[in-house]
Amino acid sequence: MSKKKQTEAPPKQQGENPPLRILYLENDLNDFNLVVRWFKTENVAAVFKRVETREEFLENLTGYAPDVIMLDYHLPQFDALEALQVLQDRQSDIATVLFTGVVGEEQAIECLRLGADDYVTKQNPRRLIPAILAAIEKKKTQESSRKKTEELDRYFNSSLDLLCIADTGGRFLRLNPEWEKTLGYPLQELIGKKFFDLVHPDDLSATLEAVSTLASQKEVLNFENRYRCKDGSYKWIEWRSYPEGDKIFAVARDITERKLVKQELQIREERLKLFVEHAPAAIAMFDKDMRYLALSRRFLQDYRLEQTTIIGRSHYEIFPEIQQKWKDIHRRCLEGAVEQAEKDPFPRMDGSLDWVRWEIHPWYEASGEIGGIILFSEVITDRVRIQEAIEQSERRYRELIETMNDGLGVLDCGGNITFMNRRGCEMLGYQPEELIENPVSMVFDEENHIRFQEQLMMCIKGGRTSHEITWRCKDGRPVDTIVSTNPRYDTHGNLLESVVVFTDITGGRKKRSWISYMNLNNGIR
């Protein structure tokens, strides 16, 4: 055996095509030099490190970091089979090519079984470089695939979603750990199990149909069914499934909580609709596009819509006569405002005019966003008309009182003046504001005030009275009058006020102007 000689390799060069770093297990220096020359002849940049012993081989596996390992099968100290076993034990992914003399078929197969990427005889050296380059490319491909597989495995095992691979026969082939957390079964208990056995009986038919769709190579998205947990309860699972041959790749998630929340919301919505429908007030609930979601029977009655289909239709379609000011109010309320009015005119399509008392509030989704508005309203047209009639009647009475030839005043229970008509003010020489809320004693001297009080008490005890009495004007002048007093009581018989009518009879000229006192009993203020 010739003297051992090693060719030291420089550090790896940086660049697009760095030279190959080759660790060569070979004891024949001549064969080693032939290989080096062959690489130069073929213009393949390479640096070599030749080793013969186990210790050298182990040291250079890490210290030299080769791109490829060449092995001679026939070595006296440390042969190819031993080297391949070391690489296998270390789970090495370095490309390895057997370059040796002729060996038997069994030996060659054993080398390939232990991890050699190719086998080239020294009698056919032209195949060496292509075999090395192919082995290196193969290892790169395997390394890339291994990294992708590891990344996919990490994703598969760390995903918070439920990931699974199944076959179209309904068997779980692979599942990630989230399944154990969700259903409670150990993964080994689920692998190979037919998932049909876990599906809720009410969902089995739909599940079979979904699997049939997948078997025809069509994806199934947003499919929901229930799976039995180990404790016997069921959980809702939502699926997105993709077929590939006889396999199904699926991503799923536990939507049980979402389902329960949705069911609770549906129950609440039904209760709200019932409340709205049967509420004694006119109530309508709209979405953000002003489409009806719910409304009360009173609303239908008040707006004469009993025979009209409302739910889902636009408010502006139902009431095309709505003015722009109302649309502006709706827009502001949809942005969060709360608005109201005690009396608003509402012209109708038929030319009539309704009066409406209303209040509008936004309502909110569970997310906190505005979902629409709620309209509380009351058609008060009849009430407005009644009030207008009352006000008109009061105006007529006031005109009568203000134009009568007699003085008329009203006293509260404490004897204070609460009203005095124009004729009464003229007779006494006062402005109305000088009399109102002042005691009646200010228009009498002491003697006449006593007489007035006595007559007033008699009136309260026995009803209407008529008597003569002298008033004192603002300038001190006396005014002789005939006074008629009429008490007014509440429904419980309590005195409310006293109406006093007085006729000027000064100088013996009786200016008595008899009026219908009965008509003065109500509405004099």
Protein backbone atom coordinates (compact mmCIF):
# COMPACT_ATOMS: atom_id res chain seq x y z
CA MET A 1 0.00 0.00 0.00
CA SER A 2 1.39 3.42 -0.96
CA LYS A 3 2.07 6.09 1.61
CA LYS A 4 -1.10 7.99 2.63
CA LYS A 5 -1.41 11.51 1.38
CA GLN A 6 -4.27 13.91 2.10
CA THR A 7 -5.25 16.90 0.03
CA GLU A 8 -6.35 19.66 2.40
CA ALA A 9 -9.36 21.64 1.25
CA PRO A 10 -9.68 25.42 1.62
CA PRO A 11 -12.74 26.90 3.34
CA LYS A 12 -15.94 26.95 1.31
CA GLN A 13 -16.00 29.84 -1.16
CA GLN A 14 -18.90 32.26 -1.36
CA GLY A 15 -20.52 32.68 -4.76
CA GLU A 16 -22.88 31.20 -7.25
CA ASN A 17 -20.82 28.05 -7.99
CA PRO A 18 -18.55 27.19 -5.07
CA PRO A 19 -16.36 24.11 -5.58
CA LEU A 20 -17.72 20.79 -4.41
CA ARG A 21 -16.32 19.61 -1.09
CA ILE A 22 -15.70 15.87 -1.38
CA LEU A 23 -14.81 13.54 1.50
CA TYR A 24 -13.22 10.46 -0.08
CA LEU A 25 -12.79 7.20 1.90
CA GLU A 26 -9.95 5.63 -0.10
CA ASN A 27 -6.67 3.92 0.85
CA ASP A 28 -5.15 3.90 -2.66
CA LEU A 29 -3.42 7.21 -3.35
CA ASN A 30 -3.16 6.49 -7.07
CA ASP A 31 -6.91 5.99 -7.37
CA PHE A 32 -7.44 9.18 -5.38
CA ASN A 33 -5.17 11.20 -7.71
CA LEU A 34 -6.88 9.75 -10.77
CA VAL A 35 -10.23 10.99 -9.49
CA VAL A 36 -8.82 14.46 -8.78
CA ARG A 37 -7.40 14.66 -12.31
CA TRP A 38 -10.64 13.41 -13.77
CA PHE A 39 -12.58 16.25 -12.12
CA LYS A 40 -10.05 18.75 -13.51
CA THR A 41 -10.33 17.22 -16.95
CA GLU A 42 -14.11 17.58 -16.83
CA ASN A 43 -13.77 21.20 -15.57
CA VAL A 44 -15.75 20.44 -12.39
CA ALA A 45 -14.48 22.59 -9.51
CA ALA A 46 -13.90 20.42 -6.46
CA VAL A 47 -11.73 20.11 -3.40
CA PHE A 48 -11.04 16.75 -1.77
CA LYS A 49 -10.28 15.33 1.64
CA ARG A 50 -9.04 11.74 1.71
CA VAL A 51 -9.44 9.59 4.83
CA GLU A 52 -8.76 5.94 5.61
CA THR A 53 -9.74 5.30 9.23
CA ARG A 54 -12.94 5.52 11.24
CA GLU A 55 -11.48 8.29 13.40
CA GLU A 56 -10.56 10.42 10.39
CA PHE A 57 -13.96 9.79 8.82
CA LEU A 58 -15.86 10.83 11.97
CA GLU A 59 -13.69 13.89 12.53
CA ASN A 60 -14.20 15.23 8.99
CA LEU A 61 -17.94 14.58 8.86
CA THR A 62 -18.44 17.69 10.98
CA GLY A 63 -15.13 19.53 10.70
CA TYR A 64 -14.91 19.38 6.92
CA ALA A 65 -18.68 19.58 6.16
CA PRO A 66 -18.56 17.78 2.80
CA ASP A 67 -21.12 18.15 0.00
CA VAL A 68 -20.67 14.53 -1.03
CA ILE A 69 -18.98 11.40 0.34
CA MET A 70 -17.21 8.91 -1.95
CA LEU A 71 -16.63 5.40 -0.60
CA ASP A 72 -14.39 2.54 -1.75
CA TYR A 73 -15.92 -0.77 -0.79
CA HIS A 74 -12.62 -2.67 -0.34
CA LEU A 75 -10.69 -1.10 2.54
CA PRO A 76 -8.60 -2.93 5.13
CA GLN A 77 -9.30 -0.73 8.19
CA PHE A 78 -12.68 0.89 7.70
CA ASP A 79 -14.82 -0.17 4.76
CA ALA A 80 -17.85 1.27 2.96
CA LEU A 81 -20.44 -0.77 4.88
CA GLU A 82 -19.13 0.51 8.20
CA ALA A 83 -19.09 4.08 6.94
CA LEU A 84 -22.65 3.77 5.65
CA GLN A 85 -23.74 2.39 9.01
CA VAL A 86 -22.19 5.40 10.75
CA LEU A 87 -24.04 7.76 8.40
CA GLN A 88 -27.30 5.90 8.99
CA ASP A 89 -26.86 6.02 12.79
CA ARG A 90 -26.26 9.76 12.55
CA GLN A 91 -29.20 10.19 10.22
CA SER A 92 -26.89 12.00 7.84
CA ASP A 93 -28.37 13.63 4.75
CA ILE A 94 -25.03 14.00 2.89
CA ALA A 95 -25.02 12.63 -0.67
CA THR A 96 -23.06 9.36 -0.78
CA VAL A 97 -21.71 7.54 -3.86
CA LEU A 98 -19.98 4.17 -3.81
CA PHE A 99 -16.91 4.28 -6.16
CA THR A 100 -15.14 0.98 -6.07
CA GLY A 101 -13.96 -2.03 -7.94
CA VAL A 102 -16.34 -4.73 -8.99
CA VAL A 103 -18.43 -6.06 -6.12
CA GLY A 104 -21.18 -8.61 -6.01
CA GLU A 105 -24.81 -7.72 -6.56
CA GLU A 106 -25.69 -8.51 -2.94
CA GLN A 107 -22.96 -6.18 -1.65
CA ALA A 108 -24.14 -3.39 -3.94
CA ILE A 109 -27.78 -3.82 -2.82
CA GLU A 110 -26.69 -3.79 0.83
CA CYS A 111 -24.85 -0.50 0.29
CA LEU A 112 -27.92 1.03 -1.33
CA ARG A 113 -30.07 -0.28 1.52
CA LEU A 114 -27.78 1.43 4.05
CA GLY A 115 -28.21 4.76 2.30
CA ALA A 116 -25.79 5.02 -0.62
CA ASP A 117 -27.32 7.16 -3.35
CA ASP A 118 -25.53 5.45 -6.26
CA TYR A 119 -22.98 2.81 -7.14
CA VAL A 120 -20.24 3.44 -9.77
CA THR A 121 -17.47 0.99 -10.67
CA LYS A 122 -13.90 2.15 -11.19
CA GLN A 123 -14.06 0.45 -14.58
CA ASN A 124 -16.64 3.09 -15.70
CA PRO A 125 -15.28 6.40 -14.29
CA ARG A 126 -17.17 8.53 -16.83
CA ARG A 127 -20.35 7.92 -14.86
CA LEU A 128 -18.82 9.15 -11.58
CA ILE A 129 -19.31 12.93 -11.96
CA PRO A 130 -22.91 12.68 -13.27
CA ALA A 131 -23.69 10.26 -10.43
CA ILE A 132 -22.21 12.64 -7.83
CA LEU A 133 -24.04 15.66 -9.22
CA ALA A 134 -27.32 13.70 -9.39
CA ALA A 135 -26.85 12.45 -5.81
CA ILE A 136 -26.23 16.01 -4.57
CA GLU A 137 -29.34 17.30 -6.40
CA LYS A 138 -31.35 14.40 -5.02
CA LYS A 139 -30.28 15.26 -1.47
CA LYS A 140 -31.14 18.92 -2.01
CA THR A 141 -34.59 17.90 -3.23
CA GLN A 142 -35.01 15.54 -0.29
CA GLU A 143 -33.85 18.23 2.14
CA SER A 144 -36.27 20.77 0.67
CA SER A 145 -39.07 18.22 0.86
CA ARG A 146 -38.09 17.31 4.42
CA LYS A 147 -38.15 20.95 5.51
CA LYS A 148 -41.52 21.50 3.89
CA THR A 149 -42.82 18.35 5.53
CA GLU A 150 -41.51 19.51 8.90
CA GLU A 151 -43.09 22.93 8.40
CA LEU A 152 -46.40 21.30 7.44
CA ASP A 153 -46.16 18.97 10.44
CA ARG A 154 -45.50 21.93 12.75
CA TYR A 155 -48.43 23.78 11.25
CA PHE A 156 -50.61 20.67 11.36
CA ASN A 157 -49.81 19.94 15.00
CA SER A 158 -49.86 23.53 16.28
CA SER A 159 -52.93 24.81 14.42
CA LEU A 160 -55.84 25.94 16.57
CA ASP A 161 -58.17 24.72 13.83
CA LEU A 162 -59.23 21.10 13.54
CA LEU A 163 -57.18 19.53 10.73
CA CYS A 164 -57.74 16.06 9.39
CA ILE A 165 -57.12 13.72 6.50
CA ALA A 166 -59.77 11.10 5.85
CA ASP A 167 -60.75 8.76 3.04
CA THR A 168 -63.98 8.75 1.10
CA GLY A 169 -64.95 5.61 2.98
CA GLY A 170 -65.40 7.76 6.06
CA ARG A 171 -62.27 6.83 8.05
CA PHE A 172 -59.96 9.24 9.85
CA LEU A 173 -56.38 8.83 8.55
CA ARG A 174 -54.67 11.65 10.37
CA LEU A 175 -55.78 14.24 12.93
CA ASN A 176 -54.06 17.08 14.74
CA PRO A 177 -54.07 17.40 18.57
CA GLU A 178 -56.97 19.90 18.58
CA TRP A 179 -59.35 16.99 17.95
CA GLU A 180 -58.45 15.43 21.29
CA LYS A 181 -59.05 18.77 23.02
CA THR A 182 -62.38 19.25 21.26
CA LEU A 183 -63.95 15.78 21.39
CA GLY A 184 -62.06 14.29 24.32
CA TYR A 185 -60.93 11.11 22.52
CA PRO A 186 -57.20 10.22 22.40
CA LEU A 187 -55.92 10.58 18.84
CA GLN A 188 -54.97 6.91 18.60
CA GLU A 189 -58.58 6.06 19.38
CA LEU A 190 -59.81 8.21 16.51
CA ILE A 191 -57.26 7.21 13.85
CA GLY A 192 -58.85 4.55 11.64
CA LYS A 193 -62.29 5.14 13.17
CA LYS A 194 -65.25 5.86 10.90
CA PHE A 195 -66.31 9.43 11.54
CA PHE A 196 -69.87 8.47 10.56
CA ASP A 197 -70.06 6.67 13.92
CA LEU A 198 -69.59 10.02 15.71
CA VAL A 199 -72.01 12.10 13.65
CA HIS A 200 -75.33 13.07 15.26
CA PRO A 201 -78.14 10.88 13.83
CA ASP A 202 -80.03 13.95 12.62
CA ASP A 203 -76.96 15.09 10.63
CA LEU A 204 -75.97 11.70 9.17
CA SER A 205 -77.92 12.00 5.93
CA ALA A 206 -76.45 15.42 5.13
CA THR A 207 -72.95 14.15 6.03
CA LEU A 208 -73.26 11.18 3.69
CA GLU A 209 -74.37 13.52 0.92
CA ALA A 210 -71.37 15.80 1.59
CA VAL A 211 -68.93 12.85 1.43
CA SER A 212 -70.55 11.74 -1.83
CA THR A 213 -69.92 15.21 -3.24
CA LEU A 214 -66.26 14.98 -2.16
CA ALA A 215 -65.94 11.53 -3.72
CA SER A 216 -66.96 13.12 -7.03
CA GLN A 217 -63.94 15.45 -6.60
CA LYS A 218 -65.96 18.53 -5.68
CA GLU A 219 -65.04 20.62 -2.64
CA VAL A 220 -67.52 21.15 0.19
CA LEU A 221 -67.37 24.50 2.03
CA ASN A 222 -69.06 25.77 5.19
CA PHE A 223 -70.69 22.43 5.95
CA GLU A 224 -71.93 22.02 9.54
CA ASN A 225 -72.73 18.91 11.54
CA ARG A 226 -72.57 17.64 15.12
CA TYR A 227 -70.02 15.19 16.55
CA ARG A 228 -70.38 13.13 19.70
CA CYS A 229 -67.77 13.82 22.39
CA LYS A 230 -66.32 11.20 24.67
CA ASP A 231 -68.59 12.41 27.51
CA GLY A 232 -71.67 11.86 25.31
CA SER A 233 -72.36 15.53 24.56
CA TYR A 234 -72.33 16.89 21.02
CA LYS A 235 -70.38 19.74 19.48
CA TRP A 236 -71.07 21.64 16.29
CA ILE A 237 -68.26 21.44 13.73
CA GLU A 238 -67.95 23.61 10.61
CA TRP A 239 -66.00 22.07 7.69
CA ARG A 240 -64.10 23.13 4.62
CA SER A 241 -63.17 19.96 2.76
CA TYR A 242 -61.11 19.38 -0.39
CA PRO A 243 -60.90 16.03 -2.23
CA GLU A 244 -57.79 14.55 -3.81
CA GLY A 245 -58.37 11.10 -5.23
CA ASP A 246 -59.75 8.86 -2.51
CA LYS A 247 -58.56 11.21 0.25
CA ILE A 248 -60.29 14.16 1.89
CA PHE A 249 -58.27 17.05 3.29
CA ALA A 250 -60.34 19.10 5.70
CA VAL A 251 -60.06 22.16 7.91
CA ALA A 252 -62.72 22.43 10.60
CA ARG A 253 -63.51 24.40 13.72
CA ASP A 254 -65.65 24.06 16.80
CA ILE A 255 -68.58 26.46 16.40
CA THR A 256 -70.63 25.17 19.35
CA GLU A 257 -70.37 28.42 21.29
CA ARG A 258 -71.26 30.43 18.20
CA LYS A 259 -74.27 28.18 17.62
CA LEU A 260 -75.43 28.57 21.21
CA VAL A 261 -75.04 32.34 21.02
CA LYS A 262 -76.92 32.37 17.72
CA GLN A 263 -79.71 30.25 19.19
CA GLU A 264 -79.92 32.55 22.21
CA LEU A 265 -80.04 35.57 19.92
CA GLN A 266 -82.80 33.93 17.88
CA ILE A 267 -84.78 33.28 21.05
CA ARG A 268 -84.28 36.89 22.15
CA GLU A 269 -85.22 38.17 18.71
CA GLU A 270 -88.41 36.09 18.78
CA ARG A 271 -89.22 37.46 22.22
CA LEU A 272 -88.47 40.99 21.02
CA LYS A 273 -90.71 40.51 17.99
CA LEU A 274 -93.50 39.22 20.22
CA PHE A 275 -93.03 42.16 22.58
CA VAL A 276 -93.01 44.63 19.70
CA GLU A 277 -95.98 42.98 17.98
CA HIS A 278 -98.18 43.04 21.07
CA ALA A 279 -96.98 46.34 22.55
CA PRO A 280 -99.83 48.82 23.09
CA ALA A 281 -97.75 51.53 21.39
CA ALA A 282 -96.91 51.98 17.71
CA ILE A 283 -93.38 50.55 17.42
CA ALA A 284 -91.32 49.73 14.31
CA MET A 285 -87.80 48.29 14.15
CA PHE A 286 -85.60 48.93 11.08
CA ASP A 287 -82.21 47.76 9.83
CA LYS A 288 -79.55 50.15 8.54
CA ASP A 289 -81.25 50.28 5.13
CA MET A 290 -84.56 51.29 6.77
CA ARG A 291 -86.14 47.90 6.02
CA TYR A 292 -88.75 46.70 8.51
CA LEU A 293 -87.56 43.99 10.92
CA ALA A 294 -90.49 44.04 13.35
CA LEU A 295 -93.50 46.18 14.13
CA SER A 296 -96.44 46.27 16.49
CA ARG A 297 -100.08 45.71 15.62
CA ARG A 298 -100.79 49.19 16.93
CA PHE A 299 -98.37 50.57 14.31
CA LEU A 300 -100.33 48.80 11.56
CA GLN A 301 -103.58 50.16 12.94
CA ASP A 302 -102.39 53.73 13.45
CA TYR A 303 -100.95 54.00 9.95
CA ARG A 304 -103.76 52.02 8.27
CA LEU A 305 -101.47 49.20 7.09
CA GLU A 306 -103.37 46.13 8.33
CA GLN A 307 -103.73 44.71 4.80
CA THR A 308 -100.15 45.47 3.72
CA THR A 309 -97.10 43.15 3.76
CA ILE A 310 -94.45 45.09 5.64
CA ILE A 311 -91.54 42.96 6.95
CA GLY A 312 -88.43 43.24 4.75
CA ARG A 313 -89.72 46.21 2.78
CA SER A 314 -88.30 49.71 2.86
CA HIS A 315 -89.97 52.33 5.03
CA TYR A 316 -89.69 54.76 2.13
CA GLU A 317 -91.47 52.30 -0.15
CA ILE A 318 -94.37 52.01 2.30
CA PHE A 319 -94.50 55.79 2.83
CA PRO A 320 -93.36 57.44 -0.43
CA GLU A 321 -94.76 60.73 0.83
CA ILE A 322 -92.07 60.98 3.56
CA GLN A 323 -90.38 64.37 3.44
CA GLN A 324 -86.61 64.89 3.30
CA LYS A 325 -86.55 66.19 6.89
CA TRP A 326 -87.64 62.75 8.11
CA LYS A 327 -84.94 61.04 6.04
CA ASP A 328 -82.40 63.40 7.58
CA ILE A 329 -83.67 62.47 11.07
CA HIS A 330 -83.36 58.75 10.24
CA ARG A 331 -79.80 59.30 8.97
CA ARG A 332 -78.76 61.11 12.14
CA CYS A 333 -80.25 58.41 14.35
CA LEU A 334 -78.46 55.72 12.30
CA GLU A 335 -75.28 57.60 13.22
CA GLY A 336 -76.13 57.43 16.95
CA ALA A 337 -78.44 60.36 17.65
CA VAL A 338 -81.68 60.15 19.67
CA GLU A 339 -84.44 62.49 18.48
CA GLN A 340 -88.07 63.12 19.41
CA ALA A 341 -91.01 65.48 18.95
CA GLU A 342 -94.25 65.92 20.87
CA LYS A 343 -96.30 67.03 17.86
CA ASP A 344 -95.25 66.78 14.22
CA PRO A 345 -97.42 67.16 11.10
CA PHE A 346 -97.42 64.14 8.77
CA PRO A 347 -99.04 64.88 5.36
CA ARG A 348 -100.51 61.75 3.75
CA MET A 349 -100.71 60.72 0.11
CA ASP A 350 -104.50 61.14 0.11
CA GLY A 351 -104.16 64.82 1.05
CA SER A 352 -105.11 64.36 4.72
CA LEU A 353 -102.93 65.54 7.57
CA ASP A 354 -102.03 63.42 10.59
CA TRP A 355 -100.27 64.61 13.72
CA VAL A 356 -97.62 62.34 15.26
CA ARG A 357 -95.75 62.22 18.56
CA TRP A 358 -92.52 60.24 18.04
CA GLU A 359 -89.14 59.21 19.40
CA ILE A 360 -86.31 57.44 17.53
CA HIS A 361 -83.39 55.51 19.06
CA PRO A 362 -80.57 53.54 17.42
CA TRP A 363 -80.28 49.85 18.34
CA TYR A 364 -76.95 48.04 18.55
CA GLU A 365 -75.52 44.70 17.40
CA ALA A 366 -73.66 42.41 19.83
CA SER A 367 -70.44 43.80 18.31
CA GLY A 368 -71.41 47.29 19.48
CA GLU A 369 -72.13 48.57 15.98
CA ILE A 370 -75.43 50.26 15.18
CA GLY A 371 -77.77 47.74 13.59
CA GLY A 372 -80.64 50.10 12.78
CA ILE A 373 -83.23 52.27 14.55
CA ILE A 374 -86.41 51.81 16.58
CA LEU A 375 -89.31 54.19 16.03
CA PHE A 376 -91.78 54.78 18.86
CA SER A 377 -94.69 56.80 17.55
CA GLU A 378 -98.28 57.72 18.29
CA VAL A 379 -100.78 59.19 15.87
CA ILE A 380 -102.34 61.97 17.93
CA THR A 381 -104.52 63.47 15.21
CA ASP A 382 -107.75 63.01 17.24
CA ARG A 383 -106.12 64.41 20.35
CA VAL A 384 -104.81 67.42 18.44
CA ARG A 385 -108.26 68.07 16.98
CA ILE A 386 -109.89 67.80 20.41
CA GLN A 387 -107.30 70.16 21.85
CA GLU A 388 -107.86 72.60 19.02
CA ALA A 389 -111.62 72.45 19.68
CA ILE A 390 -111.03 73.10 23.39
CA GLU A 391 -108.73 76.01 22.61
CA GLN A 392 -111.28 77.41 20.16
CA SER A 393 -114.03 77.10 22.79
CA GLU A 394 -111.80 78.80 25.34
CA ARG A 395 -111.14 81.62 22.91
CA ARG A 396 -114.89 82.07 22.40
CA TYR A 397 -115.50 82.16 26.18
CA ARG A 398 -112.63 84.54 26.69
CA GLU A 399 -113.97 86.84 23.96
CA LEU A 400 -117.40 86.74 25.62
CA ILE A 401 -115.91 87.48 29.04
CA GLU A 402 -113.68 90.25 27.73
CA THR A 403 -116.51 91.98 25.82
CA MET A 404 -119.26 91.70 28.46
CA ASN A 405 -120.55 94.93 30.18
CA ASP A 406 -120.08 93.49 33.66
CA GLY A 407 -116.95 93.02 35.63
CA LEU A 408 -115.83 89.38 36.20
CA GLY A 409 -113.16 88.16 38.57
CA VAL A 410 -111.96 84.80 39.91
CA LEU A 411 -110.70 84.19 43.46
CA ASP A 412 -108.75 81.20 44.70
CA CYS A 413 -109.47 79.46 48.02
CA GLY A 414 -107.30 81.97 49.86
CA GLY A 415 -109.19 85.00 48.54
CA ASN A 416 -106.50 86.01 46.05
CA ILE A 417 -107.44 87.39 42.64
CA THR A 418 -106.44 85.01 39.83
CA PHE A 419 -108.32 86.64 36.96
CA MET A 420 -110.04 89.96 36.18
CA ASN A 421 -111.69 90.77 32.84
CA ARG A 422 -111.22 94.00 30.94
CA ARG A 423 -114.50 95.58 32.12
CA GLY A 424 -113.67 94.80 35.76
CA CYS A 425 -110.25 96.44 35.41
CA GLU A 426 -111.86 99.52 33.81
CA MET A 427 -114.42 99.79 36.63
CA LEU A 428 -111.75 99.58 39.32
CA GLY A 429 -109.08 101.61 37.50
CA TYR A 430 -106.37 98.89 37.61
CA GLN A 431 -104.28 97.10 35.01
CA PRO A 432 -104.69 93.27 35.10
CA GLU A 433 -101.14 92.68 36.34
CA GLU A 434 -101.78 95.00 39.30
CA LEU A 435 -104.61 92.77 40.50
CA ILE A 436 -103.51 89.23 39.68
CA GLU A 437 -102.11 87.26 42.65
CA ASN A 438 -103.10 90.02 45.10
CA PRO A 439 -105.71 89.65 47.87
CA VAL A 440 -109.23 90.86 47.05
CA SER A 441 -109.10 93.08 50.15
CA MET A 442 -107.10 95.62 48.13
CA VAL A 443 -110.32 96.69 46.26
CA PHE A 444 -112.49 97.12 49.39
CA ASP A 445 -112.52 99.30 52.45
CA GLU A 446 -112.61 97.41 55.74
CA GLU A 447 -116.41 97.46 56.13
CA ASN A 448 -117.14 96.31 52.59
CA HIS A 449 -114.42 93.68 52.75
CA ILE A 450 -116.10 92.16 55.83
CA ARG A 451 -119.47 92.18 54.07
CA PHE A 452 -117.88 90.61 50.97
CA GLN A 453 -116.25 87.87 53.05
CA GLU A 454 -119.57 87.12 54.80
CA GLN A 455 -121.43 86.91 51.50
CA LEU A 456 -118.62 84.76 50.05
CA MET A 457 -118.89 82.29 52.95
CA MET A 458 -122.67 82.16 52.53
CA CYS A 459 -122.12 81.47 48.86
CA ILE A 460 -119.68 78.65 49.57
CA LYS A 461 -122.10 77.05 52.03
CA GLY A 462 -125.29 77.61 50.11
CA GLY A 463 -124.37 78.17 46.49
CA ARG A 464 -124.79 81.22 44.33
CA THR A 465 -125.66 84.55 46.06
CA SER A 466 -126.47 88.09 44.88
CA HIS A 467 -125.97 91.23 46.96
CA GLU A 468 -125.02 94.89 46.75
CA ILE A 469 -121.51 95.98 47.71
CA THR A 470 -119.24 98.98 47.21
CA TRP A 471 -115.76 98.50 45.64
CA ARG A 472 -112.88 100.91 46.08
CA CYS A 473 -111.16 102.06 42.89
CA LYS A 474 -107.44 102.60 42.54
CA ASP A 475 -107.98 106.37 42.89
CA GLY A 476 -110.13 105.85 46.02
CA ARG A 477 -113.41 106.47 44.25
CA PRO A 478 -116.27 104.14 45.39
CA VAL A 479 -118.17 102.00 42.87
CA ASP A 480 -121.59 100.63 43.90
CA THR A 481 -122.33 97.22 42.39
CA ILE A 482 -124.62 94.24 42.50
CA VAL A 483 -122.42 91.16 43.02
CA SER A 484 -123.22 87.56 42.10
CA THR A 485 -120.85 84.88 43.41
CA ASN A 486 -120.64 81.32 42.11
CA PRO A 487 -118.36 78.71 43.80
CA ARG A 488 -116.66 75.89 41.74
CA TYR A 489 -115.77 72.50 43.24
CA ASP A 490 -113.68 69.47 42.18
CA THR A 491 -115.12 65.96 41.86
CA HIS A 492 -114.53 65.34 45.57
CA GLY A 493 -116.52 68.41 46.64
CA ASN A 494 -113.50 70.52 47.49
CA LEU A 495 -113.66 74.23 46.67
CA LEU A 496 -111.53 75.17 43.68
CA GLU A 497 -112.36 78.85 43.17
CA SER A 498 -115.13 81.45 43.22
CA VAL A 499 -116.42 83.34 40.20
CA VAL A 500 -117.54 86.91 41.02
CA VAL A 501 -119.69 88.96 38.54
CA PHE A 502 -120.36 92.59 39.47
CA THR A 503 -122.64 95.19 37.77
CA ASP A 504 -122.06 98.96 38.20
CA ILE A 505 -125.16 100.67 39.80
CA THR A 506 -123.34 103.84 40.87
CA GLY A 507 -125.55 106.99 41.05
CA GLY A 508 -128.72 104.89 41.18
CA ARG A 509 -128.37 104.07 37.45
CA LYS A 510 -128.73 100.31 37.39
CA LYS A 511 -126.60 98.99 34.60
CA ARG A 512 -127.46 95.48 35.39
CA SER A 513 -126.64 93.33 32.36
CA TRP A 514 -127.99 89.92 33.10
CA ILE A 515 -125.87 87.21 31.57
CA SER A 516 -126.10 83.50 31.58
CA TYR A 517 -123.90 82.66 34.56
CA MET A 518 -124.28 79.02 33.82
CA ASN A 519 -122.11 79.53 30.74
CA LEU A 520 -119.36 81.07 32.85
CA ASN A 521 -118.89 78.07 35.08
CA ASN A 522 -116.27 76.48 32.80
CA GLY A 523 -113.35 77.59 30.70
CA ILE A 524 -113.02 81.18 31.89
CA ARG A 525 -109.25 81.25 32.08
